[in-house]
Amino acid sequence: MTTYHFIGIKGSGMSALAQILHDMNYSVQGSDVDKRFFTQLPLEDKGIPIYPFRQQNINEDYTIIASAAYGEENEEVQKANELGIPVHQYPYFLGSFLEQFTSIAVTGSHGKTSTTGLLAHVLGAYKPTSYLIGDGTGKGETDSAFFAFEACEYRRHFLHYEPDYAIITNIDFDHPDYFKDIDDVVNAFEEMASQVKKGIVACGDDEYLQTLNAPVPIMYYGLNGKYDFNAENIRTDENGTTFDVLIRGDRFETFTIPTYGKHNVLNALGVITLCHYEDVPASIIKQQLASFEGVKRRFSETTLNNQVLIDDYAHHPTEIGATLESARQKYPDRELVAVFQPHTFSRTEAFLDEFAEKLRGADHIYLCDIFSSARENNGTLTIEDLQEKIPGSQLITEEDIEKLSKHTDGVLLFMGAGDIQKFQGSYEKSQQSRQ
């Protein structure tokens, strides 16, 4: 049996795929830079070897899978080429690997990770299910019937796949460093839809998805129209959100999710639609929705003294608005304190006004310096440009993070796609040292 060697194994997709193959009883190892990433923790837990980059890692009997981040300049790629060993780029390998399962791609500008995690949680209670999530989580089942995976639109990566089904949560303008405008984004999703083999589940509340063209049936779900699947009578309490589902106007079932916000209802509704189409019993759907504990960095809560600290990946204005809505519903009587780190100069510049508008939904706003991407030039934009658009907002660094302690009963939302976790970590350490 071959050994799968991953060049750049600490990448989120690479780490998840390595875990899946390991769970399926394949021999797996990988290499990467020495810097520590959260994605290596599950690899270490499973005992998957991680080596520094070196030519000796390459063996003629290995199957080589390479991250898109590492090309001909990498010494291991060079060694594989020298030995005549094929180097499989990650998306191409995954696209081929999917063919042996009933595959469901979860895509959209927002909500991919949460929806993929929820879908896997429900399907896995019905039939063996493998899944790959963009937060670095992967799980393989040797006799999988389903394979649920997050399919990212950035640089049109999702065009490497031809899934049986696709759940499309929404279409929004993002990644301004790559997409020219919203029409460019829509065109990418249209092309992706043309590659789906059996059916598409799409949010009808999204104006761009309402006119989606595809060669397969499209099942629509939503809150604000008459769709194939509708959620109505939405109510919240201390246990989460409860709603009724109608299928083409006829009452189907009542479901409860332990989360808050319209976006979470829509994510659940997309999962319900797909699962109903695949004949998953309503009792299983209901039970699994109610027991879902969430995914990494999506409204992840911890308690510190009398404060609630929330770690969230929100890095787009739409996502910030959704995160604040969830916090308002869950903690209606507490002050919301936003600690936001913009991700990339290109996105910050493109959405400067929208970021300001959404962040003003918090009671207090703290801004961390912009997290830059290696792919871009910093330009002249600074965090002060955003601060000027939000009266009363303050800049914050790791050195003065302790000032958040004055919000004694606050809900602190640490939001961003860069390294915002280090700010939360510094704050937690500052409070623990005072005790």
Protein backbone atom coordinates (compact mmCIF):
# COMPACT_ATOMS: atom_id res chain seq x y z
CA MET A 1 0.00 0.00 0.00
CA THR A 2 1.27 3.45 -0.89
CA THR A 3 2.14 6.15 1.62
CA TYR A 4 0.52 9.54 1.03
CA HIS A 5 3.02 12.34 1.52
CA PHE A 6 1.57 15.86 1.87
CA ILE A 7 3.82 18.78 0.91
CA GLY A 8 2.44 21.66 3.01
CA ILE A 9 0.41 19.44 5.33
CA LYS A 10 -0.44 22.28 7.74
CA GLY A 11 -2.71 24.02 5.22
CA SER A 12 -6.35 23.80 6.30
CA GLY A 13 -7.50 21.70 3.34
CA MET A 14 -4.34 19.60 3.31
CA SER A 15 -4.59 18.89 7.03
CA ALA A 16 -8.23 17.87 6.72
CA LEU A 17 -7.56 15.56 3.75
CA ALA A 18 -4.60 13.96 5.54
CA GLN A 19 -6.87 13.22 8.50
CA ILE A 20 -9.48 11.68 6.20
CA LEU A 21 -6.99 9.33 4.52
CA HIS A 22 -5.53 8.38 7.90
CA ASP A 23 -8.99 7.54 9.22
CA MET A 24 -9.49 5.33 6.17
CA ASN A 25 -6.42 3.33 7.27
CA TYR A 26 -3.99 4.70 4.69
CA SER A 27 -0.39 5.47 5.60
CA VAL A 28 -0.06 9.27 5.82
CA GLN A 29 2.77 11.70 6.53
CA GLY A 30 3.64 15.25 5.55
CA SER A 31 6.05 18.14 5.65
CA ASP A 32 5.84 21.87 6.23
CA VAL A 33 7.53 24.94 7.67
CA ASP A 34 8.55 24.95 11.30
CA LYS A 35 6.01 27.60 12.38
CA ARG A 36 3.21 26.25 14.54
CA PHE A 37 -0.37 26.33 13.19
CA PHE A 38 -3.60 25.22 14.85
CA THR A 39 -4.18 22.83 11.93
CA GLN A 40 -1.35 20.57 13.09
CA LEU A 41 -3.00 19.76 16.42
CA PRO A 42 -5.40 17.12 15.01
CA LEU A 43 -2.55 15.70 12.93
CA GLU A 44 -0.47 15.27 16.07
CA ASP A 45 -3.44 13.79 17.93
CA LYS A 46 -3.73 11.12 15.23
CA GLY A 47 -0.01 10.45 15.25
CA ILE A 48 0.53 11.64 11.66
CA PRO A 49 4.25 12.43 11.21
CA ILE A 50 5.14 16.03 10.26
CA TYR A 51 8.66 16.65 8.94
CA PRO A 52 10.54 19.78 7.89
CA PHE A 53 10.91 20.18 4.14
CA ARG A 54 13.78 18.00 2.89
CA GLN A 55 14.48 15.93 -0.21
CA GLN A 56 14.87 12.76 1.88
CA ASN A 57 11.13 12.80 2.57
CA ILE A 58 10.40 11.78 -1.03
CA ASN A 59 10.25 8.08 -1.85
CA GLU A 60 9.49 6.46 -5.20
CA ASP A 61 6.70 4.40 -3.61
CA TYR A 62 4.86 7.45 -2.27
CA THR A 63 1.84 9.26 -3.63
CA ILE A 64 2.73 12.96 -3.48
CA ILE A 65 0.04 15.59 -2.79
CA ALA A 66 1.16 19.23 -2.85
CA SER A 67 -0.46 22.36 -1.51
CA ALA A 68 -1.04 25.13 -4.04
CA ALA A 69 1.32 27.23 -1.89
CA TYR A 70 4.31 25.10 -2.91
CA GLY A 71 5.48 24.77 -6.50
CA GLU A 72 8.67 24.13 -8.42
CA GLU A 73 10.77 26.12 -5.97
CA ASN A 74 10.11 23.59 -3.20
CA GLU A 75 12.94 21.09 -2.74
CA GLU A 76 10.55 18.17 -2.29
CA VAL A 77 8.68 18.99 -5.48
CA GLN A 78 12.04 19.22 -7.25
CA LYS A 79 13.07 15.80 -5.89
CA ALA A 80 9.79 14.22 -6.98
CA ASN A 81 10.24 15.62 -10.47
CA GLU A 82 13.81 14.32 -10.54
CA LEU A 83 12.59 10.81 -9.66
CA GLY A 84 9.70 11.00 -12.12
CA ILE A 85 7.07 10.78 -9.36
CA PRO A 86 3.77 12.53 -10.22
CA VAL A 87 2.98 15.49 -7.95
CA HIS A 88 -0.78 15.77 -7.42
CA GLN A 89 -1.99 19.29 -6.67
CA TYR A 90 -4.42 19.26 -3.74
CA PRO A 91 -7.61 20.36 -5.56
CA TYR A 92 -7.05 17.93 -8.44
CA PHE A 93 -6.44 15.02 -6.07
CA LEU A 94 -9.51 15.88 -4.02
CA GLY A 95 -11.65 16.19 -7.15
CA SER A 96 -10.65 12.68 -8.23
CA PHE A 97 -10.98 11.25 -4.71
CA LEU A 98 -14.58 12.46 -4.44
CA GLU A 99 -15.74 10.28 -7.32
CA GLN A 100 -16.11 7.18 -5.14
CA PHE A 101 -18.80 8.74 -2.91
CA THR A 102 -22.08 10.63 -3.16
CA SER A 103 -20.43 14.02 -2.86
CA ILE A 104 -22.00 17.23 -1.60
CA ALA A 105 -20.13 20.50 -2.15
CA VAL A 106 -21.09 23.30 0.23
CA THR A 107 -20.29 26.66 -1.26
CA GLY A 108 -21.28 30.31 -1.06
CA SER A 109 -19.70 33.59 -0.05
CA HIS A 110 -20.67 33.12 3.61
CA GLY A 111 -21.67 30.20 5.83
CA LYS A 112 -19.74 27.42 4.09
CA THR A 113 -17.88 26.12 7.12
CA SER A 114 -20.85 26.11 9.50
CA THR A 115 -23.14 24.52 6.91
CA THR A 116 -20.61 21.81 6.00
CA GLY A 117 -20.14 20.93 9.65
CA LEU A 118 -23.88 20.78 10.25
CA LEU A 119 -24.50 18.70 7.12
CA ALA A 120 -21.84 16.16 8.11
CA HIS A 121 -23.29 15.98 11.63
CA VAL A 122 -26.75 15.14 10.29
CA LEU A 123 -25.76 12.80 7.46
CA GLY A 124 -23.33 10.91 9.70
CA ALA A 125 -26.19 9.76 11.93
CA TYR A 126 -27.94 8.29 8.87
CA LYS A 127 -25.14 6.67 6.85
CA PRO A 128 -21.33 6.63 7.10
CA THR A 129 -20.12 10.09 6.07
CA SER A 130 -16.68 11.52 5.46
CA TYR A 131 -16.21 15.27 5.54
CA LEU A 132 -13.69 18.02 4.89
CA ILE A 133 -14.20 21.43 6.44
CA GLY A 134 -12.28 24.61 5.71
CA ASP A 135 -11.29 25.08 9.35
CA GLY A 136 -8.85 22.18 9.05
CA THR A 137 -11.26 19.51 10.27
CA GLY A 138 -11.45 16.23 8.39
CA LYS A 139 -12.92 12.83 9.20
CA GLY A 140 -12.89 9.71 7.06
CA GLU A 141 -15.07 6.60 7.18
CA THR A 142 -13.81 3.50 5.36
CA ASP A 143 -17.29 2.62 4.08
CA SER A 144 -18.56 6.15 3.46
CA ALA A 145 -21.78 6.65 1.55
CA PHE A 146 -21.49 10.46 1.57
CA PHE A 147 -18.63 12.92 1.32
CA ALA A 148 -19.49 16.46 2.43
CA PHE A 149 -16.91 19.13 1.74
CA GLU A 150 -16.43 22.86 1.76
CA ALA A 151 -15.82 24.23 -1.74
CA CYS A 152 -14.21 27.68 -1.83
CA GLU A 153 -14.90 30.17 -4.59
CA TYR A 154 -11.62 32.06 -4.13
CA ARG A 155 -9.60 31.95 -7.36
CA ARG A 156 -12.36 29.66 -8.66
CA HIS A 157 -10.91 26.73 -6.71
CA PHE A 158 -14.33 25.03 -6.67
CA LEU A 159 -14.13 24.47 -10.43
CA HIS A 160 -11.81 21.52 -9.74
CA TYR A 161 -14.81 19.53 -8.50
CA GLU A 162 -17.79 17.83 -10.14
CA PRO A 163 -19.96 16.98 -7.12
CA ASP A 164 -23.23 15.08 -7.13
CA TYR A 165 -24.92 17.87 -5.18
CA ALA A 166 -24.15 21.45 -4.21
CA ILE A 167 -25.59 23.57 -1.42
CA ILE A 168 -25.12 27.25 -2.33
CA THR A 169 -25.73 29.51 0.66
CA ASN A 170 -25.43 32.95 -1.00
CA ILE A 171 -23.46 35.05 -3.47
CA ASP A 172 -21.76 38.24 -2.33
CA PHE A 173 -18.84 40.34 -3.51
CA ASP A 174 -15.69 39.36 -1.66
CA HIS A 175 -12.00 38.68 -2.39
CA PRO A 176 -11.54 41.99 -4.24
CA ASP A 177 -7.90 41.04 -4.80
CA TYR A 178 -9.16 38.42 -7.28
CA PHE A 179 -12.74 39.08 -8.39
CA LYS A 180 -13.29 42.23 -10.45
CA ASP A 181 -16.88 42.85 -9.35
CA ILE A 182 -20.09 41.07 -8.34
CA ASP A 183 -20.72 39.95 -11.93
CA ASP A 184 -17.37 38.16 -11.92
CA VAL A 185 -18.38 36.36 -8.70
CA VAL A 186 -21.79 35.39 -10.14
CA ASN A 187 -20.12 34.04 -13.29
CA ALA A 188 -17.86 31.85 -11.16
CA PHE A 189 -20.84 30.37 -9.31
CA GLU A 190 -22.71 29.85 -12.59
CA GLU A 191 -19.75 27.89 -13.92
CA MET A 192 -19.55 25.85 -10.74
CA ALA A 193 -23.29 25.07 -10.93
CA SER A 194 -22.84 23.76 -14.48
CA GLN A 195 -20.56 21.00 -13.13
CA VAL A 196 -23.02 19.59 -10.55
CA LYS A 197 -24.31 16.15 -11.52
CA LYS A 198 -27.60 15.54 -9.65
CA GLY A 199 -29.09 18.60 -7.97
CA ILE A 200 -28.52 21.99 -6.36
CA VAL A 201 -29.92 23.32 -3.09
CA ALA A 202 -29.89 27.13 -3.20
CA CYS A 203 -31.06 29.98 -0.99
CA GLY A 204 -33.99 31.66 -2.71
CA ASP A 205 -33.67 34.76 -0.55
CA ASP A 206 -30.44 35.58 -2.39
CA GLU A 207 -31.13 37.77 -5.42
CA TYR A 208 -28.26 36.32 -7.45
CA LEU A 209 -29.27 32.71 -6.79
CA GLN A 210 -32.86 33.36 -7.87
CA THR A 211 -31.69 33.48 -11.49
CA LEU A 212 -29.12 30.68 -11.27
CA ASN A 213 -28.78 28.56 -14.41
CA ALA A 214 -27.88 24.89 -14.07
CA PRO A 215 -28.40 21.64 -16.01
CA VAL A 216 -29.81 19.90 -12.92
CA PRO A 217 -32.87 20.52 -10.70
CA ILE A 218 -32.56 23.44 -8.27
CA MET A 219 -34.37 23.19 -4.93
CA TYR A 220 -34.83 26.57 -3.28
CA TYR A 221 -35.10 27.32 0.42
CA GLY A 222 -35.62 30.55 2.33
CA LEU A 223 -37.60 32.78 4.64
CA ASN A 224 -38.96 35.55 2.46
CA GLY A 225 -40.76 33.86 -0.42
CA LYS A 226 -42.68 30.77 -1.48
CA TYR A 227 -39.92 28.23 -2.04
CA ASP A 228 -39.63 24.46 -2.09
CA PHE A 229 -38.61 24.65 1.59
CA ASN A 230 -39.63 27.53 3.85
CA ALA A 231 -38.92 28.34 7.49
CA GLU A 232 -41.55 30.33 9.36
CA ASN A 233 -42.76 31.05 12.90
CA ILE A 234 -39.17 31.62 14.03
CA ARG A 235 -38.76 32.15 17.78
CA THR A 236 -35.85 32.21 20.20
CA ASP A 237 -35.31 31.36 23.86
CA GLU A 238 -32.41 30.35 26.10
CA ASN A 239 -32.10 27.02 24.23
CA GLY A 240 -31.63 28.53 20.79
CA THR A 241 -33.91 29.06 17.80
CA THR A 242 -37.03 27.08 16.91
CA PHE A 243 -38.81 27.23 13.56
CA ASP A 244 -41.40 25.41 11.46
CA VAL A 245 -40.54 24.04 8.02
CA LEU A 246 -42.99 23.89 5.12
CA ILE A 247 -42.34 21.83 2.01
CA ARG A 248 -44.06 23.45 -0.97
CA GLY A 249 -46.62 24.95 1.39
CA ASP A 250 -47.33 21.83 3.45
CA ARG A 251 -46.15 21.62 7.04
CA PHE A 252 -43.22 19.24 7.46
CA GLU A 253 -41.75 19.47 10.97
CA THR A 254 -40.58 21.79 13.75
CA PHE A 255 -36.83 22.04 14.38
CA THR A 256 -34.63 23.61 17.05
CA ILE A 257 -31.01 24.69 16.63
CA PRO A 258 -28.83 25.75 19.60
CA THR A 259 -27.74 28.92 17.79
CA TYR A 260 -29.15 32.34 16.95
CA GLY A 261 -29.56 34.60 13.94
CA LYS A 262 -31.32 34.39 10.59
CA HIS A 263 -28.18 33.10 8.89
CA ASN A 264 -28.12 30.03 11.13
CA VAL A 265 -31.76 29.28 10.34
CA LEU A 266 -30.94 29.51 6.63
CA ASN A 267 -27.91 27.24 6.99
CA ALA A 268 -30.04 24.66 8.79
CA LEU A 269 -32.77 24.95 6.17
CA GLY A 270 -30.28 24.22 3.39
CA VAL A 271 -29.17 21.09 5.25
CA ILE A 272 -32.79 20.02 5.84
CA THR A 273 -33.53 20.40 2.13
CA LEU A 274 -30.60 18.26 1.02
CA CYS A 275 -31.22 15.61 3.67
CA HIS A 276 -34.92 15.36 2.82
CA TYR A 277 -33.99 14.87 -0.84
CA GLU A 278 -31.70 12.00 0.21
CA ASP A 279 -34.48 10.42 2.35
CA VAL A 280 -32.91 11.08 5.75
CA PRO A 281 -35.71 10.50 8.31
CA ALA A 282 -37.09 13.68 9.88
CA SER A 283 -36.44 12.27 13.35
CA ILE A 284 -32.69 12.03 12.64
CA ILE A 285 -32.56 15.53 11.14
CA LYS A 286 -34.40 16.93 14.15
CA GLN A 287 -32.18 15.16 16.69
CA GLN A 288 -28.91 16.10 14.97
CA LEU A 289 -29.78 19.75 14.42
CA ALA A 290 -30.54 20.12 18.11
CA SER A 291 -27.24 18.51 19.18
CA PHE A 292 -24.83 20.30 16.84
CA GLU A 293 -22.02 21.94 18.82
CA GLY A 294 -20.68 24.11 16.00
CA VAL A 295 -17.35 24.37 14.20
CA LYS A 296 -14.07 26.06 15.01
CA ARG A 297 -13.96 29.87 15.08
CA ARG A 298 -17.68 30.30 14.43
CA PHE A 299 -19.23 32.00 17.47
CA SER A 300 -16.98 29.96 19.76
CA GLU A 301 -17.72 31.01 23.34
CA THR A 302 -15.71 31.01 26.54
CA THR A 303 -16.47 32.63 29.89
CA LEU A 304 -13.96 34.81 31.72
CA ASN A 305 -15.08 36.17 35.08
CA ASN A 306 -18.41 37.83 34.26
CA GLN A 307 -17.58 38.37 30.61
CA VAL A 308 -18.42 36.22 27.60
CA LEU A 309 -15.64 35.99 25.00
CA ILE A 310 -16.63 35.01 21.46
CA ASP A 311 -14.12 34.02 18.79
CA ASP A 312 -15.55 34.40 15.27
CA TYR A 313 -14.10 34.25 11.76
CA ALA A 314 -16.27 37.16 10.57
CA HIS A 315 -14.15 39.22 8.17
CA HIS A 316 -16.73 40.58 5.71
CA PRO A 317 -19.40 43.18 6.51
CA THR A 318 -22.21 40.67 5.94
CA GLU A 319 -20.61 38.25 8.39
CA ILE A 320 -20.02 40.94 11.01
CA GLY A 321 -23.69 41.88 10.82
CA ALA A 322 -24.74 38.25 11.23
CA THR A 323 -22.43 37.71 14.21
CA LEU A 324 -23.72 40.82 15.98
CA GLU A 325 -27.32 39.76 15.29
CA SER A 326 -26.64 36.36 16.89
CA ALA A 327 -25.06 38.00 19.94
CA ARG A 328 -27.98 40.42 20.33
CA GLN A 329 -30.48 37.57 20.25
CA LYS A 330 -28.57 35.40 22.69
CA TYR A 331 -27.53 38.21 25.06
CA PRO A 332 -30.22 40.90 24.67
CA ASP A 333 -29.48 42.59 28.01
CA ARG A 334 -25.68 42.78 27.81
CA GLU A 335 -23.41 45.27 26.09
CA LEU A 336 -21.72 44.07 22.91
CA VAL A 337 -18.04 44.93 22.54
CA ALA A 338 -16.61 44.40 19.05
CA VAL A 339 -12.85 43.78 18.74
CA PHE A 340 -12.26 43.68 15.00
CA GLN A 341 -9.14 43.00 12.95
CA PRO A 342 -9.61 43.81 9.23
CA HIS A 343 -8.24 41.10 6.93
CA THR A 344 -6.19 42.32 3.94
CA PHE A 345 -5.82 45.89 2.71
CA SER A 346 -7.75 45.16 -0.49
CA ARG A 347 -10.84 43.97 1.38
CA THR A 348 -10.62 46.80 3.93
CA GLU A 349 -10.42 49.40 1.18
CA ALA A 350 -13.24 47.85 -0.86
CA PHE A 351 -15.64 47.65 2.10
CA LEU A 352 -14.51 50.55 4.30
CA ASP A 353 -17.96 52.17 4.54
CA GLU A 354 -19.74 48.81 4.93
CA PHE A 355 -17.41 47.74 7.75
CA ALA A 356 -18.11 51.01 9.56
CA GLU A 357 -21.86 50.62 9.14
CA LYS A 358 -21.99 47.06 10.48
CA LEU A 359 -19.59 47.65 13.35
CA ARG A 360 -21.72 50.53 14.60
CA GLY A 361 -24.21 47.83 15.59
CA ALA A 362 -22.00 47.10 18.61
CA ASP A 363 -22.10 49.17 21.78
CA HIS A 364 -18.32 49.64 21.84
CA ILE A 365 -15.82 49.16 19.01
CA TYR A 366 -12.11 48.42 19.22
CA LEU A 367 -9.99 48.15 16.08
CA CYS A 368 -6.81 46.12 15.66
CA ASP A 369 -4.28 46.92 12.95
CA ILE A 370 -5.00 45.52 9.48
CA PHE A 371 -3.80 41.95 8.94
CA SER A 372 -1.90 41.98 5.67
CA SER A 373 -1.68 39.26 3.04
CA ALA A 374 1.61 38.29 1.45
CA ARG A 375 -0.14 38.61 -1.91
CA GLU A 376 -0.73 42.37 -1.71
CA ASN A 377 0.92 45.73 -1.32
CA ASN A 378 -0.04 47.69 1.77
CA GLY A 379 -0.72 50.89 -0.12
CA THR A 380 -1.62 53.99 1.84
CA LEU A 381 -4.66 52.69 3.74
CA THR A 382 -4.36 52.50 7.54
CA ILE A 383 -6.61 51.38 10.38
CA GLU A 384 -7.13 55.06 11.19
CA ASP A 385 -9.12 55.37 7.95
CA LEU A 386 -11.68 52.95 9.36
CA GLN A 387 -11.56 54.51 12.82
CA GLU A 388 -12.49 57.92 11.37
CA LYS A 389 -15.72 56.45 10.03
CA ILE A 390 -16.78 55.03 13.41
CA PRO A 391 -17.23 57.79 16.02
CA GLY A 392 -16.15 56.65 19.46
CA SER A 393 -14.15 53.68 18.23
CA GLN A 394 -10.72 53.04 19.73
CA LEU A 395 -7.52 51.42 18.48
CA ILE A 396 -6.21 48.52 20.51
CA THR A 397 -3.00 46.48 20.61
CA GLU A 398 -1.82 43.44 22.55
CA GLU A 399 0.04 45.81 24.86
CA ASP A 400 -3.08 47.70 25.99
CA ILE A 401 -5.60 44.86 25.57
CA GLU A 402 -6.23 44.90 29.33
CA LYS A 403 -8.52 47.91 28.94
CA LEU A 404 -11.26 45.55 27.76
CA SER A 405 -11.65 44.56 31.42
CA LYS A 406 -13.68 47.71 32.10
CA HIS A 407 -16.60 46.11 30.25
CA THR A 408 -17.24 43.97 33.30
CA ASP A 409 -20.42 42.23 32.12
CA GLY A 410 -19.80 42.62 28.39
CA VAL A 411 -19.92 40.18 25.51
CA LEU A 412 -16.54 40.58 23.78
CA LEU A 413 -16.61 39.59 20.10
CA PHE A 414 -13.13 38.98 18.68
CA MET A 415 -13.74 39.02 14.91
CA GLY A 416 -11.39 38.51 11.98
CA ALA A 417 -9.71 36.03 9.63
CA GLY A 418 -6.09 36.91 10.46
CA ASP A 419 -4.55 36.33 13.89
CA ILE A 420 -7.24 37.95 16.03
CA GLN A 421 -6.98 34.93 18.36
CA LYS A 422 -3.70 36.27 19.69
CA PHE A 423 -5.53 39.37 20.97
CA GLN A 424 -8.05 37.21 22.79
CA GLY A 425 -5.22 35.06 24.14
CA SER A 426 -3.35 38.11 25.39
CA TYR A 427 -6.49 39.42 27.07
CA GLU A 428 -7.18 36.12 28.79
CA LYS A 429 -3.59 36.00 30.07
CA SER A 430 -3.81 39.57 31.34
CA GLN A 431 -6.90 38.72 33.36
CA GLN A 432 -5.56 35.47 34.72
CA SER A 433 -2.41 37.23 35.93
CA ARG A 434 -4.57 39.60 37.99
CA GLN A 435 -6.32 36.81 39.84
